[in-house]
Amino acid sequence: MLVEYWIHEGIINEGGDRDIAAFNTGYGVISFLFAACLLMPTGTSEFVKMHDVIRQMALWAASNFGEEEEKVIVKTGAGLQQMPEVRNWNAVKRMSLANNEI
């Protein structure tokens, strides 16, 4: 599913949305990240785990190295019961509020 997400979001584009080369590239990236210990197995092939420090660094990089703090908002499993406060909704490009009570 992660590779499919990357393809649909345009992160990986090898000539078509469901092109075999795009899937191969995606799975190659995942293999590289596992080999570098940046991703860890969870006991099921459906999920991977990322160390908190690596996750924070990835979010920092995705926010243009801290310049655009609200570009990517991730509040996964934070126990939210309402939408988080955002100063500038136009700046938000990606948001994840999975596993909350919203």
C-alpha atoms as a PDB file:
ATOM      1  CA  MET A   1       0.000   0.000   0.000  1.00  0.00           C
ATOM      2  CA  LEU A   2       2.830   2.420   0.748  1.00  0.00           C
ATOM      3  CA  VAL A   3       4.219   2.057  -2.764  1.00  0.00           C
ATOM      4  CA  GLU A   4       0.743   2.564  -4.243  1.00  0.00           C
ATOM      5  CA  TYR A   5       0.388   5.735  -2.174  1.00  0.00           C
ATOM      6  CA  TRP A   6       3.742   7.030  -3.455  1.00  0.00           C
ATOM      7  CA  ILE A   7       2.693   6.313  -7.046  1.00  0.00           C
ATOM      8  CA  HIS A   8      -0.723   7.980  -6.713  1.00  0.00           C
ATOM      9  CA  GLU A   9       0.798  11.019  -5.000  1.00  0.00           C
ATOM     10  CA  GLY A  10       3.330  11.346  -7.823  1.00  0.00           C
ATOM     11  CA  ILE A  11       6.309  10.706  -5.564  1.00  0.00           C
ATOM     12  CA  ILE A  12       7.279   7.820  -7.845  1.00  0.00           C
ATOM     13  CA  ASN A  13       6.497   8.123 -11.527  1.00  0.00           C
ATOM     14  CA  GLU A  14       8.110   5.734 -13.947  1.00  0.00           C
ATOM     15  CA  GLY A  15       5.736   6.333 -16.857  1.00  0.00           C
ATOM     16  CA  GLY A  16       2.284   5.506 -15.513  1.00  0.00           C
ATOM     17  CA  ASP A  17       0.190   5.214 -12.389  1.00  0.00           C
ATOM     18  CA  ARG A  18       0.356   1.444 -12.171  1.00  0.00           C
ATOM     19  CA  ASP A  19       3.508   0.799 -14.178  1.00  0.00           C
ATOM     20  CA  ILE A  20       5.614  -2.210 -13.108  1.00  0.00           C
ATOM     21  CA  ALA A  21       8.751  -0.059 -13.111  1.00  0.00           C
ATOM     22  CA  ALA A  22       7.152   2.309 -10.585  1.00  0.00           C
ATOM     23  CA  PHE A  23       6.323  -0.595  -8.261  1.00  0.00           C
ATOM     24  CA  ASN A  24       9.865  -1.950  -8.625  1.00  0.00           C
ATOM     25  CA  THR A  25      11.298   1.476  -7.806  1.00  0.00           C
ATOM     26  CA  GLY A  26       9.037   1.772  -4.752  1.00  0.00           C
ATOM     27  CA  TYR A  27       9.914  -1.647  -3.398  1.00  0.00           C
ATOM     28  CA  GLY A  28      13.592  -0.893  -4.078  1.00  0.00           C
ATOM     29  CA  VAL A  29      13.296   2.254  -1.938  1.00  0.00           C
ATOM     30  CA  ILE A  30      11.623   0.286   0.868  1.00  0.00           C
ATOM     31  CA  SER A  31      14.366  -2.368   0.710  1.00  0.00           C
ATOM     32  CA  PHE A  32      17.013   0.354   0.907  1.00  0.00           C
ATOM     33  CA  LEU A  33      15.284   1.956   3.908  1.00  0.00           C
ATOM     34  CA  PHE A  34      15.113  -1.428   5.685  1.00  0.00           C
ATOM     35  CA  ALA A  35      18.791  -2.103   4.938  1.00  0.00           C
ATOM     36  CA  ALA A  36      19.696   1.309   6.370  1.00  0.00           C
ATOM     37  CA  CYS A  37      17.546   0.574   9.472  1.00  0.00           C
ATOM     38  CA  LEU A  38      15.372   3.623   8.734  1.00  0.00           C
ATOM     39  CA  LEU A  39      12.301   1.380   8.589  1.00  0.00           C
ATOM     40  CA  MET A  40      11.661  -1.591  10.838  1.00  0.00           C
ATOM     41  CA  PRO A  41       9.309  -4.578  10.478  1.00  0.00           C
ATOM     42  CA  THR A  42       6.198  -4.772  12.651  1.00  0.00           C
ATOM     43  CA  GLY A  43       5.431  -8.480  12.419  1.00  0.00           C
ATOM     44  CA  THR A  44       3.015  -8.064   9.532  1.00  0.00           C
ATOM     45  CA  SER A  45       3.757  -7.309   5.904  1.00  0.00           C
ATOM     46  CA  GLU A  46       1.069  -4.605   5.857  1.00  0.00           C
ATOM     47  CA  PHE A  47       2.869  -2.165   8.147  1.00  0.00           C
ATOM     48  CA  VAL A  48       6.332  -0.772   8.799  1.00  0.00           C
ATOM     49  CA  LYS A  49       7.650   1.156  11.756  1.00  0.00           C
ATOM     50  CA  MET A  50       9.847   4.249  11.688  1.00  0.00           C
ATOM     51  CA  HIS A  51      11.993   5.401  14.608  1.00  0.00           C
ATOM     52  CA  ASP A  52      10.621   8.596  16.200  1.00  0.00           C
ATOM     53  CA  VAL A  53      13.799  10.578  15.473  1.00  0.00           C
ATOM     54  CA  ILE A  54      13.749   9.581  11.800  1.00  0.00           C
ATOM     55  CA  ARG A  55      10.038  10.410  11.602  1.00  0.00           C
ATOM     56  CA  GLN A  56      10.588  13.869  13.072  1.00  0.00           C
ATOM     57  CA  MET A  57      13.469  14.518  10.683  1.00  0.00           C
ATOM     58  CA  ALA A  58      11.356  13.420   7.695  1.00  0.00           C
ATOM     59  CA  LEU A  59       8.528  15.737   8.761  1.00  0.00           C
ATOM     60  CA  TRP A  60      11.006  18.569   9.242  1.00  0.00           C
ATOM     61  CA  ALA A  61      12.397  18.003   5.737  1.00  0.00           C
ATOM     62  CA  ALA A  62       8.855  17.814   4.294  1.00  0.00           C
ATOM     63  CA  SER A  63       8.087  21.201   5.877  1.00  0.00           C
ATOM     64  CA  ASN A  64      10.898  22.790   3.859  1.00  0.00           C
ATOM     65  CA  PHE A  65      13.316  22.318   6.767  1.00  0.00           C
ATOM     66  CA  GLY A  66      11.081  24.096   9.248  1.00  0.00           C
ATOM     67  CA  GLU A  67      10.328  27.099   7.019  1.00  0.00           C
ATOM     68  CA  GLU A  68       6.737  25.988   6.338  1.00  0.00           C
ATOM     69  CA  GLU A  69       5.616  24.399   9.613  1.00  0.00           C
ATOM     70  CA  GLU A  70       2.020  23.898   8.499  1.00  0.00           C
ATOM     71  CA  LYS A  71       2.854  22.385   5.099  1.00  0.00           C
ATOM     72  CA  VAL A  72       2.683  18.862   6.541  1.00  0.00           C
ATOM     73  CA  ILE A  73       0.634  18.208   9.681  1.00  0.00           C
ATOM     74  CA  VAL A  74       0.789  14.747  11.247  1.00  0.00           C
ATOM     75  CA  LYS A  75      -1.125  14.101  14.464  1.00  0.00           C
ATOM     76  CA  THR A  76      -1.480  10.336  14.243  1.00  0.00           C
ATOM     77  CA  GLY A  77      -2.819   8.649  17.376  1.00  0.00           C
ATOM     78  CA  ALA A  78      -2.751  11.883  19.362  1.00  0.00           C
ATOM     79  CA  GLY A  79      -6.184  11.331  20.925  1.00  0.00           C
ATOM     80  CA  LEU A  80      -7.636  14.369  19.152  1.00  0.00           C
ATOM     81  CA  GLN A  81     -11.351  14.931  19.508  1.00  0.00           C
ATOM     82  CA  GLN A  82     -11.450  17.967  17.236  1.00  0.00           C
ATOM     83  CA  MET A  83      -9.463  19.351  14.327  1.00  0.00           C
ATOM     84  CA  PRO A  84      -6.093  20.841  15.289  1.00  0.00           C
ATOM     85  CA  GLU A  85      -5.718  24.604  15.193  1.00  0.00           C
ATOM     86  CA  VAL A  86      -4.059  25.734  11.991  1.00  0.00           C
ATOM     87  CA  ARG A  87      -3.104  29.367  11.364  1.00  0.00           C
ATOM     88  CA  ASN A  88      -3.021  29.122   7.577  1.00  0.00           C
ATOM     89  CA  TRP A  89      -5.084  26.348   5.962  1.00  0.00           C
ATOM     90  CA  ASN A  90      -3.874  27.448   2.510  1.00  0.00           C
ATOM     91  CA  ALA A  91      -0.344  26.420   3.483  1.00  0.00           C
ATOM     92  CA  VAL A  92      -1.365  22.837   4.345  1.00  0.00           C
ATOM     93  CA  LYS A  93      -0.380  20.367   1.605  1.00  0.00           C
ATOM     94  CA  ARG A  94      -0.696  17.091   3.551  1.00  0.00           C
ATOM     95  CA  MET A  95      -2.449  16.190   6.784  1.00  0.00           C
ATOM     96  CA  SER A  96      -2.755  12.907   8.657  1.00  0.00           C
ATOM     97  CA  LEU A  97      -5.116  12.588  11.602  1.00  0.00           C
ATOM     98  CA  ALA A  98      -5.334   8.791  11.608  1.00  0.00           C
ATOM     99  CA  ASN A  99      -6.242   6.903  14.783  1.00  0.00           C
ATOM    100  CA  ASN A 100      -7.894   9.827  16.554  1.00  0.00           C
ATOM    101  CA  GLU A 101     -11.420  10.391  17.840  1.00  0.00           C
ATOM    102  CA  ILE A 102     -12.464  13.057  15.350  1.00  0.00           C
END
